[in-house]
Every structure is written in structure tokens, then in C-alpha cells.
Amino acid sequence: MAKKSNSLEDLGGFVFSTNSDFEFDSNEQQQETLANNEQRLEAHLDKKNRGGKVATVIKGFEGTDDDLKALAKKLKTLCGVGGSAKDGEIIIQGNFRDKVMDYLGKEGYIVKRVGG
């Protein structure tokens, strides 16, 4: 039998109120995108959970989801392949780490090669 807990974390951090004048005030603020020369990105090659296929993963992007998706679109177009962008990571299908690092360096990003 599962143990029952009555903590706020179990409720998702929300407190329910019957006060009709209550205004929910979210602490989440829209994260602004840092300038290119302030971004410290990491370029990884990854084969885990991909059926043995290689993917280039760019980690460490700090900014809005729209800016992340725009950068991912530029990189996917540059390499001519598919990919995705979520949670501050850009995944490019295939081994394009050097090409992506060159492009990001020209755009002013600080890129570090991580792994083999």
C-alpha cells in the first residue's frame, strides 16, 4: 500500500484558495537570451539511446525557447539534416560537430568540444 503524503510538493507547489479575490502570482519569469559572446555551449557526440546512430548535441544554451528553436533551425539547414530542440539542447542527426562548431564560432558563441 502506498504511503500517503500531504506536502506542498505533492500538490505541485500550489496552494488552493477559496478566496475569490486571490490572484495567482507565478514566480516563473521569462528567461532572456544571453548575447552570443556570453553563451558557453558544449558540442557533444552521442550514440546512446539512438539505435547506434550518431547525433551531434549542443548543450548549454541559455535563452527563450523561440531563440533556441531558431538556432536549431539554422543548424539543421546548415547541415541539411533533421533534429530537435528542447530543454536547452539542440540535437542534430549525424556527426556534424566540426561544422556546427565552426558556424557557432563565427556567430560569436563560445563553443567547447566535449568527448572524443
PDB file of N, CA and C in Angstrom:
ATOM      1  N   MET A   1       0.841  -1.171   0.000  1.00  0.00           N
ATOM      2  CA  MET A   1       0.000   0.000   0.000  1.00  0.00           C
ATOM      3  C   MET A   1       0.889   1.238   0.000  1.00  0.00           C
ATOM      4  N   ALA A   2       0.549   2.210  -0.836  1.00  0.00           N
ATOM      5  CA  ALA A   2       1.363   3.416  -0.968  1.00  0.00           C
ATOM      6  C   ALA A   2       1.221   4.299   0.269  1.00  0.00           C
ATOM      7  N   LYS A   3       2.322   4.943   0.599  1.00  0.00           N
ATOM      8  CA  LYS A   3       2.337   5.845   1.737  1.00  0.00           C
ATOM      9  C   LYS A   3       1.730   7.180   1.313  1.00  0.00           C
ATOM     10  N   LYS A   4       0.818   7.719   2.087  1.00  0.00           N
ATOM     11  CA  LYS A   4       0.139   8.957   1.751  1.00  0.00           C
ATOM     12  C   LYS A   4       0.903  10.127   2.359  1.00  0.00           C
ATOM     13  N   SER A   5       1.133  11.148   1.532  1.00  0.00           N
ATOM     14  CA  SER A   5       1.868  12.314   1.986  1.00  0.00           C
ATOM     15  C   SER A   5       1.044  13.554   1.691  1.00  0.00           C
ATOM     16  N   ASN A   6       1.089  14.525   2.562  1.00  0.00           N
ATOM     17  CA  ASN A   6       0.319  15.750   2.389  1.00  0.00           C
ATOM     18  C   ASN A   6       1.218  16.969   2.319  1.00  0.00           C
ATOM     19  N   SER A   7       2.281  16.895   1.546  1.00  0.00           N
ATOM     20  CA  SER A   7       3.180  18.048   1.452  1.00  0.00           C
ATOM     21  C   SER A   7       2.821  18.893   0.239  1.00  0.00           C
ATOM     22  N   LEU A   8       3.300  20.128   0.221  1.00  0.00           N
ATOM     23  CA  LEU A   8       3.025  21.026  -0.899  1.00  0.00           C
ATOM     24  C   LEU A   8       3.674  20.547  -2.182  1.00  0.00           C
ATOM     25  N   GLU A   9       4.807  19.851  -2.075  1.00  0.00           N
ATOM     26  CA  GLU A   9       5.472  19.332  -3.270  1.00  0.00           C
ATOM     27  C   GLU A   9       4.591  18.328  -3.994  1.00  0.00           C
ATOM     28  N   ASP A  10       3.810  17.559  -3.245  1.00  0.00           N
ATOM     29  CA  ASP A  10       2.918  16.584  -3.863  1.00  0.00           C
ATOM     30  C   ASP A  10       1.806  17.268  -4.643  1.00  0.00           C
ATOM     31  N   LEU A  11       1.480  18.485  -4.275  1.00  0.00           N
ATOM     32  CA  LEU A  11       0.451  19.251  -4.972  1.00  0.00           C
ATOM     33  C   LEU A  11       1.037  20.084  -6.107  1.00  0.00           C
ATOM     34  N   GLY A  12       2.325  19.968  -6.352  1.00  0.00           N
ATOM     35  CA  GLY A  12       2.954  20.743  -7.401  1.00  0.00           C
ATOM     36  C   GLY A  12       3.379  22.118  -6.924  1.00  0.00           C
ATOM     37  N   GLY A  13       3.418  22.356  -5.639  1.00  0.00           N
ATOM     38  CA  GLY A  13       3.848  23.637  -5.107  1.00  0.00           C
ATOM     39  C   GLY A  13       2.748  24.688  -5.068  1.00  0.00           C
ATOM     40  N   PHE A  14       1.523  24.306  -5.400  1.00  0.00           N
ATOM     41  CA  PHE A  14       0.419  25.259  -5.407  1.00  0.00           C
ATOM     42  C   PHE A  14      -0.402  25.126  -4.128  1.00  0.00           C
ATOM     43  N   VAL A  15      -0.936  26.231  -3.683  1.00  0.00           N
ATOM     44  CA  VAL A  15      -1.840  26.245  -2.547  1.00  0.00           C
ATOM     45  C   VAL A  15      -3.199  26.671  -3.079  1.00  0.00           C
ATOM     46  N   PHE A  16      -4.207  25.901  -2.773  1.00  0.00           N
ATOM     47  CA  PHE A  16      -5.535  26.200  -3.271  1.00  0.00           C
ATOM     48  C   PHE A  16      -6.247  27.125  -2.300  1.00  0.00           C
ATOM     49  N   SER A  17      -6.994  28.082  -2.868  1.00  0.00           N
ATOM     50  CA  SER A  17      -7.669  29.071  -2.052  1.00  0.00           C
ATOM     51  C   SER A  17      -9.119  29.198  -2.490  1.00  0.00           C
ATOM     52  N   THR A  18      -9.993  29.474  -1.527  1.00  0.00           N
ATOM     53  CA  THR A  18     -11.386  29.727  -1.854  1.00  0.00           C
ATOM     54  C   THR A  18     -11.667  31.217  -1.935  1.00  0.00           C
ATOM     55  N   ASN A  19     -10.645  32.038  -1.743  1.00  0.00           N
ATOM     56  CA  ASN A  19     -10.771  33.483  -1.818  1.00  0.00           C
ATOM     57  C   ASN A  19     -10.979  33.893  -3.274  1.00  0.00           C
ATOM     58  N   SER A  20     -12.093  34.550  -3.576  1.00  0.00           N
ATOM     59  CA  SER A  20     -12.389  34.925  -4.963  1.00  0.00           C
ATOM     60  C   SER A  20     -11.511  36.084  -5.443  1.00  0.00           C
ATOM     61  N   ASP A  21     -10.887  36.823  -4.517  1.00  0.00           N
ATOM     62  CA  ASP A  21     -10.025  37.944  -4.895  1.00  0.00           C
ATOM     63  C   ASP A  21      -8.567  37.532  -5.054  1.00  0.00           C
ATOM     64  N   PHE A  22      -8.279  36.253  -4.879  1.00  0.00           N
ATOM     65  CA  PHE A  22      -6.910  35.775  -4.936  1.00  0.00           C
ATOM     66  C   PHE A  22      -6.383  35.851  -6.367  1.00  0.00           C
ATOM     67  N   GLU A  23      -5.180  36.391  -6.532  1.00  0.00           N
ATOM     68  CA  GLU A  23      -4.535  36.473  -7.837  1.00  0.00           C
ATOM     69  C   GLU A  23      -3.288  35.599  -7.794  1.00  0.00           C
ATOM     70  N   PHE A  24      -3.236  34.626  -8.671  1.00  0.00           N
ATOM     71  CA  PHE A  24      -2.074  33.753  -8.721  1.00  0.00           C
ATOM     72  C   PHE A  24      -0.904  34.529  -9.292  1.00  0.00           C
ATOM     73  N   ASP A  25       0.205  34.494  -8.576  1.00  0.00           N
ATOM     74  CA  ASP A  25       1.397  35.242  -8.948  1.00  0.00           C
ATOM     75  C   ASP A  25       2.514  34.236  -9.168  1.00  0.00           C
ATOM     76  N   SER A  26       2.782  33.925 -10.412  1.00  0.00           N
ATOM     77  CA  SER A  26       3.804  32.929 -10.735  1.00  0.00           C
ATOM     78  C   SER A  26       5.193  33.533 -10.589  1.00  0.00           C
ATOM     79  N   ASN A  27       6.110  32.755  -9.987  1.00  0.00           N
ATOM     80  CA  ASN A  27       7.486  33.204  -9.832  1.00  0.00           C
ATOM     81  C   ASN A  27       8.313  32.965 -11.087  1.00  0.00           C
ATOM     82  N   GLU A  28       7.737  32.240 -12.058  1.00  0.00           N
ATOM     83  CA  GLU A  28       8.467  31.954 -13.281  1.00  0.00           C
ATOM     84  C   GLU A  28       8.553  33.220 -14.121  1.00  0.00           C
ATOM     85  N   GLN A  29       9.766  33.602 -14.424  1.00  0.00           N
ATOM     86  CA  GLN A  29       9.981  34.761 -15.268  1.00  0.00           C
ATOM     87  C   GLN A  29      10.524  34.281 -16.599  1.00  0.00           C
ATOM     88  N   GLN A  30      10.180  34.986 -17.658  1.00  0.00           N
ATOM     89  CA  GLN A  30      10.682  34.618 -18.975  1.00  0.00           C
ATOM     90  C   GLN A  30      12.181  34.853 -18.999  1.00  0.00           C
ATOM     91  N   GLN A  31      12.923  33.815 -19.280  1.00  0.00           N
ATOM     92  CA  GLN A  31      14.376  33.911 -19.312  1.00  0.00           C
ATOM     93  C   GLN A  31      14.790  34.607 -20.595  1.00  0.00           C
ATOM     94  N   GLU A  32      15.592  35.662 -20.458  1.00  0.00           N
ATOM     95  CA  GLU A  32      16.054  36.375 -21.634  1.00  0.00           C
ATOM     96  C   GLU A  32      17.262  35.663 -22.218  1.00  0.00           C
ATOM     97  N   THR A  33      17.396  35.769 -23.519  1.00  0.00           N
ATOM     98  CA  THR A  33      18.508  35.134 -24.204  1.00  0.00           C
ATOM     99  C   THR A  33      19.759  35.966 -24.021  1.00  0.00           C
ATOM    100  N   LEU A  34      20.841  35.295 -23.617  1.00  0.00           N
ATOM    101  CA  LEU A  34      22.121  35.974 -23.464  1.00  0.00           C
ATOM    102  C   LEU A  34      22.685  36.309 -24.837  1.00  0.00           C
ATOM    103  N   ALA A  35      23.564  37.294 -24.881  1.00  0.00           N
ATOM    104  CA  ALA A  35      24.237  37.643 -26.131  1.00  0.00           C
ATOM    105  C   ALA A  35      25.105  36.468 -26.578  1.00  0.00           C
ATOM    106  N   ASN A  36      25.365  36.386 -27.873  1.00  0.00           N
ATOM    107  CA  ASN A  36      26.137  35.256 -28.410  1.00  0.00           C
ATOM    108  C   ASN A  36      27.485  35.101 -27.725  1.00  0.00           C
ATOM    109  N   ASN A  37      28.178  36.222 -27.459  1.00  0.00           N
ATOM    110  CA  ASN A  37      29.510  36.125 -26.872  1.00  0.00           C
ATOM    111  C   ASN A  37      29.474  35.770 -25.383  1.00  0.00           C
ATOM    112  N   GLU A  38      28.292  35.706 -24.779  1.00  0.00           N
ATOM    113  CA  GLU A  38      28.164  35.301 -23.373  1.00  0.00           C
ATOM    114  C   GLU A  38      27.692  33.852 -23.241  1.00  0.00           C
ATOM    115  N   GLN A  39      27.267  33.246 -24.348  1.00  0.00           N
ATOM    116  CA  GLN A  39      26.796  31.864 -24.332  1.00  0.00           C
ATOM    117  C   GLN A  39      27.995  30.921 -24.297  1.00  0.00           C
ATOM    118  N   ARG A  40      27.975  29.961 -23.401  1.00  0.00           N
ATOM    119  CA  ARG A  40      29.021  28.946 -23.321  1.00  0.00           C
ATOM    120  C   ARG A  40      28.375  27.604 -23.664  1.00  0.00           C
ATOM    121  N   LEU A  41      28.599  27.178 -24.892  1.00  0.00           N
ATOM    122  CA  LEU A  41      27.970  25.971 -25.387  1.00  0.00           C
ATOM    123  C   LEU A  41      28.958  24.808 -25.396  1.00  0.00           C
ATOM    124  N   GLU A  42      28.428  23.596 -25.322  1.00  0.00           N
ATOM    125  CA  GLU A  42      29.234  22.385 -25.376  1.00  0.00           C
ATOM    126  C   GLU A  42      28.756  21.549 -26.556  1.00  0.00           C
ATOM    127  N   ALA A  43      29.704  21.075 -27.366  1.00  0.00           N
ATOM    128  CA  ALA A  43      29.379  20.243 -28.521  1.00  0.00           C
ATOM    129  C   ALA A  43      29.735  18.791 -28.196  1.00  0.00           C
ATOM    130  N   HIS A  44      28.730  17.929 -28.162  1.00  0.00           N
ATOM    131  CA  HIS A  44      28.901  16.516 -27.828  1.00  0.00           C
ATOM    132  C   HIS A  44      28.565  15.655 -29.044  1.00  0.00           C
ATOM    133  N   LEU A  45      29.153  14.468 -29.096  1.00  0.00           N
ATOM    134  CA  LEU A  45      28.706  13.413 -29.999  1.00  0.00           C
ATOM    135  C   LEU A  45      28.057  12.364 -29.127  1.00  0.00           C
ATOM    136  N   ASP A  46      26.882  11.898 -29.538  1.00  0.00           N
ATOM    137  CA  ASP A  46      26.131  10.986 -28.693  1.00  0.00           C
ATOM    138  C   ASP A  46      25.599   9.822 -29.518  1.00  0.00           C
ATOM    139  N   LYS A  47      25.732   8.587 -28.982  1.00  0.00           N
ATOM    140  CA  LYS A  47      25.173   7.403 -29.630  1.00  0.00           C
ATOM    141  C   LYS A  47      24.188   6.678 -28.716  1.00  0.00           C
ATOM    142  N   LYS A  48      24.061   7.115 -27.502  1.00  0.00           N
ATOM    143  CA  LYS A  48      23.219   6.411 -26.539  1.00  0.00           C
ATOM    144  C   LYS A  48      21.739   6.590 -26.890  1.00  0.00           C
ATOM    145  N   ASN A  49      20.990   5.527 -26.758  1.00  0.00           N
ATOM    146  CA  ASN A  49      19.541   5.509 -26.977  1.00  0.00           C
ATOM    147  C   ASN A  49      19.149   5.989 -28.374  1.00  0.00           C
ATOM    148  N   ARG A  50      20.017   5.755 -29.356  1.00  0.00           N
ATOM    149  CA  ARG A  50      19.722   6.190 -30.717  1.00  0.00           C
ATOM    150  C   ARG A  50      19.892   5.048 -31.711  1.00  0.00           C
ATOM    151  N   GLY A  51      19.851   3.830 -31.249  1.00  0.00           N
ATOM    152  CA  GLY A  51      19.978   2.686 -32.134  1.00  0.00           C
ATOM    153  C   GLY A  51      21.338   2.595 -32.805  1.00  0.00           C
ATOM    154  N   GLY A  52      22.393   3.078 -32.151  1.00  0.00           N
ATOM    155  CA  GLY A  52      23.738   3.027 -32.707  1.00  0.00           C
ATOM    156  C   GLY A  52      24.069   4.164 -33.651  1.00  0.00           C
ATOM    157  N   LYS A  53      23.108   5.038 -33.922  1.00  0.00           N
ATOM    158  CA  LYS A  53      23.362   6.158 -34.819  1.00  0.00           C
ATOM    159  C   LYS A  53      23.919   7.338 -34.030  1.00  0.00           C
ATOM    160  N   VAL A  54      24.745   8.124 -34.701  1.00  0.00           N
ATOM    161  CA  VAL A  54      25.415   9.250 -34.049  1.00  0.00           C
ATOM    162  C   VAL A  54      24.559  10.506 -34.169  1.00  0.00           C
ATOM    163  N   ALA A  55      24.577  11.322 -33.130  1.00  0.00           N
ATOM    164  CA  ALA A  55      23.910  12.619 -33.150  1.00  0.00           C
ATOM    165  C   ALA A  55      24.842  13.654 -32.536  1.00  0.00           C
ATOM    166  N   THR A  56      24.816  14.856 -33.070  1.00  0.00           N
ATOM    167  CA  THR A  56      25.560  15.975 -32.515  1.00  0.00           C
ATOM    168  C   THR A  56      24.632  16.697 -31.552  1.00  0.00           C
ATOM    169  N   VAL A  57      25.061  16.874 -30.318  1.00  0.00           N
ATOM    170  CA  VAL A  57      24.229  17.514 -29.298  1.00  0.00           C
ATOM    171  C   VAL A  57      24.928  18.777 -28.816  1.00  0.00           C
ATOM    172  N   ILE A  58      24.232  19.903 -28.905  1.00  0.00           N
ATOM    173  CA  ILE A  58      24.733  21.184 -28.413  1.00  0.00           C
ATOM    174  C   ILE A  58      24.002  21.480 -27.116  1.00  0.00           C
ATOM    175  N   LYS A  59      24.758  21.592 -26.030  1.00  0.00           N
ATOM    176  CA  LYS A  59      24.169  21.811 -24.709  1.00  0.00           C
ATOM    177  C   LYS A  59      24.601  23.167 -24.160  1.00  0.00           C
ATOM    178  N   GLY A  60      23.811  23.691 -23.233  1.00  0.00           N
ATOM    179  CA  GLY A  60      24.187  24.894 -22.507  1.00  0.00           C
ATOM    180  C   GLY A  60      23.558  26.174 -23.018  1.00  0.00           C
ATOM    181  N   PHE A  61      22.634  26.113 -23.963  1.00  0.00           N
ATOM    182  CA  PHE A  61      22.010  27.338 -24.470  1.00  0.00           C
ATOM    183  C   PHE A  61      21.143  27.951 -23.384  1.00  0.00           C
ATOM    184  N   GLU A  62      21.314  29.235 -23.158  1.00  0.00           N
ATOM    185  CA  GLU A  62      20.514  29.951 -22.159  1.00  0.00           C
ATOM    186  C   GLU A  62      19.709  31.022 -22.870  1.00  0.00           C
ATOM    187  N   GLY A  63      18.407  30.838 -22.871  1.00  0.00           N
ATOM    188  CA  GLY A  63      17.548  31.814 -23.524  1.00  0.00           C
ATOM    189  C   GLY A  63      16.147  31.278 -23.708  1.00  0.00           C
ATOM    190  N   THR A  64      15.365  31.982 -24.500  1.00  0.00           N
ATOM    191  CA  THR A  64      13.978  31.610 -24.718  1.00  0.00           C
ATOM    192  C   THR A  64      13.897  30.402 -25.644  1.00  0.00           C
ATOM    193  N   ASP A  65      12.777  29.713 -25.571  1.00  0.00           N
ATOM    194  CA  ASP A  65      12.565  28.550 -26.430  1.00  0.00           C
ATOM    195  C   ASP A  65      12.520  28.952 -27.898  1.00  0.00           C
ATOM    196  N   ASP A  66      11.971  30.127 -28.189  1.00  0.00           N
ATOM    197  CA  ASP A  66      11.904  30.587 -29.574  1.00  0.00           C
ATOM    198  C   ASP A  66      13.298  30.798 -30.148  1.00  0.00           C
ATOM    199  N   ASP A  67      14.201  31.386 -29.369  1.00  0.00           N
ATOM    200  CA  ASP A  67      15.571  31.600 -29.836  1.00  0.00           C
ATOM    201  C   ASP A  67      16.308  30.269 -30.000  1.00  0.00           C
ATOM    202  N   LEU A  68      16.044  29.334 -29.094  1.00  0.00           N
ATOM    203  CA  LEU A  68      16.652  28.006 -29.191  1.00  0.00           C
ATOM    204  C   LEU A  68      16.201  27.314 -30.472  1.00  0.00           C
ATOM    205  N   LYS A  69      14.905  27.377 -30.760  1.00  0.00           N
ATOM    206  CA  LYS A  69      14.374  26.737 -31.964  1.00  0.00           C
ATOM    207  C   LYS A  69      14.888  27.418 -33.224  1.00  0.00           C
ATOM    208  N   ALA A  70      15.059  28.732 -33.180  1.00  0.00           N
ATOM    209  CA  ALA A  70      15.589  29.456 -34.343  1.00  0.00           C
ATOM    210  C   ALA A  70      17.032  29.042 -34.621  1.00  0.00           C
ATOM    211  N   LEU A  71      17.844  28.931 -33.584  1.00  0.00           N
ATOM    212  CA  LEU A  71      19.228  28.497 -33.754  1.00  0.00           C
ATOM    213  C   LEU A  71      19.274  27.057 -34.256  1.00  0.00           C
ATOM    214  N   ALA A  72      18.415  26.202 -33.716  1.00  0.00           N
ATOM    215  CA  ALA A  72      18.363  24.806 -34.156  1.00  0.00           C
ATOM    216  C   ALA A  72      17.994  24.729 -35.639  1.00  0.00           C
ATOM    217  N   LYS A  73      17.061  25.554 -36.066  1.00  0.00           N
ATOM    218  CA  LYS A  73      16.656  25.562 -37.471  1.00  0.00           C
ATOM    219  C   LYS A  73      17.825  25.967 -38.368  1.00  0.00           C
ATOM    220  N   LYS A  74      18.596  26.979 -37.949  1.00  0.00           N
ATOM    221  CA  LYS A  74      19.769  27.399 -38.720  1.00  0.00           C
ATOM    222  C   LYS A  74      20.779  26.261 -38.833  1.00  0.00           C
ATOM    223  N   LEU A  75      21.025  25.566 -37.726  1.00  0.00           N
ATOM    224  CA  LEU A  75      21.999  24.478 -37.723  1.00  0.00           C
ATOM    225  C   LEU A  75      21.523  23.293 -38.566  1.00  0.00           C
ATOM    226  N   LYS A  76      20.243  22.968 -38.480  1.00  0.00           N
ATOM    227  CA  LYS A  76      19.711  21.861 -39.270  1.00  0.00           C
ATOM    228  C   LYS A  76      19.779  22.193 -40.761  1.00  0.00           C
ATOM    229  N   THR A  77      19.492  23.435 -41.117  1.00  0.00           N
ATOM    230  CA  THR A  77      19.574  23.857 -42.515  1.00  0.00           C
ATOM    231  C   THR A  77      21.015  23.832 -42.997  1.00  0.00           C
ATOM    232  N   LEU A  78      21.943  24.287 -42.149  1.00  0.00           N
ATOM    233  CA  LEU A  78      23.366  24.284 -42.498  1.00  0.00           C
ATOM    234  C   LEU A  78      23.855  22.875 -42.808  1.00  0.00           C
ATOM    235  N   CYS A  79      23.432  21.914 -41.992  1.00  0.00           N
ATOM    236  CA  CYS A  79      23.892  20.538 -42.146  1.00  0.00           C
ATOM    237  C   CYS A  79      23.022  19.733 -43.108  1.00  0.00           C
ATOM    238  N   GLY A  80      21.834  20.214 -43.414  1.00  0.00           N
ATOM    239  CA  GLY A  80      20.938  19.509 -44.324  1.00  0.00           C
ATOM    240  C   GLY A  80      20.357  18.242 -43.736  1.00  0.00           C
ATOM    241  N   VAL A  81      20.124  18.249 -42.431  1.00  0.00           N
ATOM    242  CA  VAL A  81      19.596  17.062 -41.749  1.00  0.00           C
ATOM    243  C   VAL A  81      18.489  17.480 -40.789  1.00  0.00           C
ATOM    244  N   GLY A  82      17.888  16.504 -40.137  1.00  0.00           N
ATOM    245  CA  GLY A  82      16.851  16.762 -39.152  1.00  0.00           C
ATOM    246  C   GLY A  82      17.436  16.896 -37.763  1.00  0.00           C
ATOM    247  N   GLY A  83      16.565  17.162 -36.816  1.00  0.00           N
ATOM    248  CA  GLY A  83      16.989  17.290 -35.431  1.00  0.00           C
ATOM    249  C   GLY A  83      15.868  17.841 -34.587  1.00  0.00           C
ATOM    250  N   SER A  84      16.197  18.236 -33.369  1.00  0.00           N
ATOM    251  CA  SER A  84      15.196  18.790 -32.473  1.00  0.00           C
ATOM    252  C   SER A  84      15.857  19.764 -31.505  1.00  0.00           C
ATOM    253  N   ALA A  85      15.011  20.516 -30.807  1.00  0.00           N
ATOM    254  CA  ALA A  85      15.495  21.472 -29.814  1.00  0.00           C
ATOM    255  C   ALA A  85      14.537  21.479 -28.634  1.00  0.00           C
ATOM    256  N   LYS A  86      15.077  21.195 -27.441  1.00  0.00           N
ATOM    257  CA  LYS A  86      14.261  21.264 -26.230  1.00  0.00           C
ATOM    258  C   LYS A  86      15.165  21.259 -25.014  1.00  0.00           C
ATOM    259  N   ASP A  87      14.696  21.825 -23.940  1.00  0.00           N
ATOM    260  CA  ASP A  87      15.398  21.844 -22.657  1.00  0.00           C
ATOM    261  C   ASP A  87      16.827  22.377 -22.764  1.00  0.00           C
ATOM    262  N   GLY A  88      17.046  23.396 -23.580  1.00  0.00           N
ATOM    263  CA  GLY A  88      18.378  23.993 -23.703  1.00  0.00           C
ATOM    264  C   GLY A  88      19.351  23.165 -24.506  1.00  0.00           C
ATOM    265  N   GLU A  89      18.868  22.139 -25.221  1.00  0.00           N
ATOM    266  CA  GLU A  89      19.715  21.281 -26.033  1.00  0.00           C
ATOM    267  C   GLU A  89      19.241  21.286 -27.480  1.00  0.00           C
ATOM    268  N   ILE A  90      20.210  21.249 -28.378  1.00  0.00           N
ATOM    269  CA  ILE A  90      19.916  21.109 -29.796  1.00  0.00           C
ATOM    270  C   ILE A  90      20.510  19.783 -30.237  1.00  0.00           C
ATOM    271  N   ILE A  91      19.688  18.940 -30.852  1.00  0.00           N
ATOM    272  CA  ILE A  91      20.144  17.643 -31.330  1.00  0.00           C
ATOM    273  C   ILE A  91      20.103  17.670 -32.854  1.00  0.00           C
ATOM    274  N   ILE A  92      21.271  17.420 -33.463  1.00  0.00           N
ATOM    275  CA  ILE A  92      21.404  17.369 -34.914  1.00  0.00           C
ATOM    276  C   ILE A  92      21.724  15.932 -35.288  1.00  0.00           C
ATOM    277  N   GLN A  93      20.973  15.357 -36.222  1.00  0.00           N
ATOM    278  CA  GLN A  93      21.195  13.978 -36.617  1.00  0.00           C
ATOM    279  C   GLN A  93      22.488  13.866 -37.414  1.00  0.00           C
ATOM    280  N   GLY A  94      23.383  12.991 -36.978  1.00  0.00           N
ATOM    281  CA  GLY A  94      24.632  12.753 -37.686  1.00  0.00           C
ATOM    282  C   GLY A  94      25.820  13.399 -37.000  1.00  0.00           C
ATOM    283  N   ASN A  95      27.014  13.119 -37.533  1.00  0.00           N
ATOM    284  CA  ASN A  95      28.254  13.645 -36.976  1.00  0.00           C
ATOM    285  C   ASN A  95      28.626  14.943 -37.702  1.00  0.00           C
ATOM    286  N   PHE A  96      28.121  16.059 -37.208  1.00  0.00           N
ATOM    287  CA  PHE A  96      28.391  17.369 -37.783  1.00  0.00           C
ATOM    288  C   PHE A  96      29.017  18.306 -36.758  1.00  0.00           C
ATOM    289  N   ARG A  97      29.708  17.741 -35.773  1.00  0.00           N
ATOM    290  CA  ARG A  97      30.228  18.548 -34.675  1.00  0.00           C
ATOM    291  C   ARG A  97      31.182  19.630 -35.158  1.00  0.00           C
ATOM    292  N   ASP A  98      32.124  19.307 -36.041  1.00  0.00           N
ATOM    293  CA  ASP A  98      33.092  20.299 -36.505  1.00  0.00           C
ATOM    294  C   ASP A  98      32.413  21.417 -37.301  1.00  0.00           C
ATOM    295  N   LYS A  99      31.491  21.036 -38.168  1.00  0.00           N
ATOM    296  CA  LYS A  99      30.774  22.019 -38.981  1.00  0.00           C
ATOM    297  C   LYS A  99      29.944  22.957 -38.097  1.00  0.00           C
ATOM    298  N   VAL A 100      29.264  22.386 -37.113  1.00  0.00           N
ATOM    299  CA  VAL A 100      28.431  23.173 -36.195  1.00  0.00           C
ATOM    300  C   VAL A 100      29.305  24.088 -35.334  1.00  0.00           C
ATOM    301  N   MET A 101      30.443  23.554 -34.856  1.00  0.00           N
ATOM    302  CA  MET A 101      31.336  24.360 -34.024  1.00  0.00           C
ATOM    303  C   MET A 101      31.903  25.541 -34.818  1.00  0.00           C
ATOM    304  N   ASP A 102      32.262  25.325 -36.085  1.00  0.00           N
ATOM    305  CA  ASP A 102      32.762  26.417 -36.928  1.00  0.00           C
ATOM    306  C   ASP A 102      31.705  27.503 -37.102  1.00  0.00           C
ATOM    307  N   TYR A 103      30.476  27.079 -37.388  1.00  0.00           N
ATOM    308  CA  TYR A 103      29.395  28.047 -37.590  1.00  0.00           C
ATOM    309  C   TYR A 103      29.123  28.850 -36.312  1.00  0.00           C
ATOM    310  N   LEU A 104      29.020  28.140 -35.186  1.00  0.00           N
ATOM    311  CA  LEU A 104      28.732  28.825 -33.924  1.00  0.00           C
ATOM    312  C   LEU A 104      29.870  29.770 -33.537  1.00  0.00           C
ATOM    313  N   GLY A 105      31.108  29.374 -33.805  1.00  0.00           N
ATOM    314  CA  GLY A 105      32.253  30.241 -33.531  1.00  0.00           C
ATOM    315  C   GLY A 105      32.196  31.515 -34.351  1.00  0.00           C
ATOM    316  N   LYS A 106      31.815  31.404 -35.633  1.00  0.00           N
ATOM    317  CA  LYS A 106      31.692  32.583 -36.496  1.00  0.00           C
ATOM    318  C   LYS A 106      30.566  33.496 -36.041  1.00  0.00           C
ATOM    319  N   GLU A 107      29.537  32.918 -35.428  1.00  0.00           N
ATOM    320  CA  GLU A 107      28.411  33.705 -34.925  1.00  0.00           C
ATOM    321  C   GLU A 107      28.717  34.352 -33.572  1.00  0.00           C
ATOM    322  N   GLY A 108      29.864  34.029 -32.982  1.00  0.00           N
ATOM    323  CA  GLY A 108      30.277  34.665 -31.743  1.00  0.00           C
ATOM    324  C   GLY A 108      30.051  33.848 -30.488  1.00  0.00           C
ATOM    325  N   TYR A 109      29.536  32.645 -30.627  1.00  0.00           N
ATOM    326  CA  TYR A 109      29.321  31.783 -29.467  1.00  0.00           C
ATOM    327  C   TYR A 109      30.655  31.207 -28.995  1.00  0.00           C
ATOM    328  N   ILE A 110      30.748  30.925 -27.707  1.00  0.00           N
ATOM    329  CA  ILE A 110      31.919  30.258 -27.138  1.00  0.00           C
ATOM    330  C   ILE A 110      31.556  28.766 -27.098  1.00  0.00           C
ATOM    331  N   VAL A 111      32.255  27.973 -27.923  1.00  0.00           N
ATOM    332  CA  VAL A 111      31.902  26.555 -28.067  1.00  0.00           C
ATOM    333  C   VAL A 111      33.075  25.701 -27.616  1.00  0.00           C
ATOM    334  N   LYS A 112      32.777  24.696 -26.809  1.00  0.00           N
ATOM    335  CA  LYS A 112      33.782  23.780 -26.296  1.00  0.00           C
ATOM    336  C   LYS A 112      33.465  22.376 -26.774  1.00  0.00           C
ATOM    337  N   ARG A 113      34.475  21.675 -27.306  1.00  0.00           N
ATOM    338  CA  ARG A 113      34.311  20.292 -27.736  1.00  0.00           C
ATOM    339  C   ARG A 113      34.378  19.398 -26.494  1.00  0.00           C
ATOM    340  N   VAL A 114      33.391  18.552 -26.339  1.00  0.00           N
ATOM    341  CA  VAL A 114      33.332  17.661 -25.187  1.00  0.00           C
ATOM    342  C   VAL A 114      33.283  16.223 -25.692  1.00  0.00           C
ATOM    343  N   GLY A 115      34.114  15.382 -25.149  1.00  0.00           N
ATOM    344  CA  GLY A 115      34.137  13.977 -25.547  1.00  0.00           C
ATOM    345  C   GLY A 115      35.078  13.755 -26.723  1.00  0.00           C
ATOM    346  N   GLY A 116      35.157  12.496 -27.181  1.00  0.00           N
ATOM    347  CA  GLY A 116      36.049  12.040 -28.239  1.00  0.00           C
ATOM    348  C   GLY A 116      36.013  12.767 -29.458  1.00  0.00           C
TER     349      GLY A 116
END
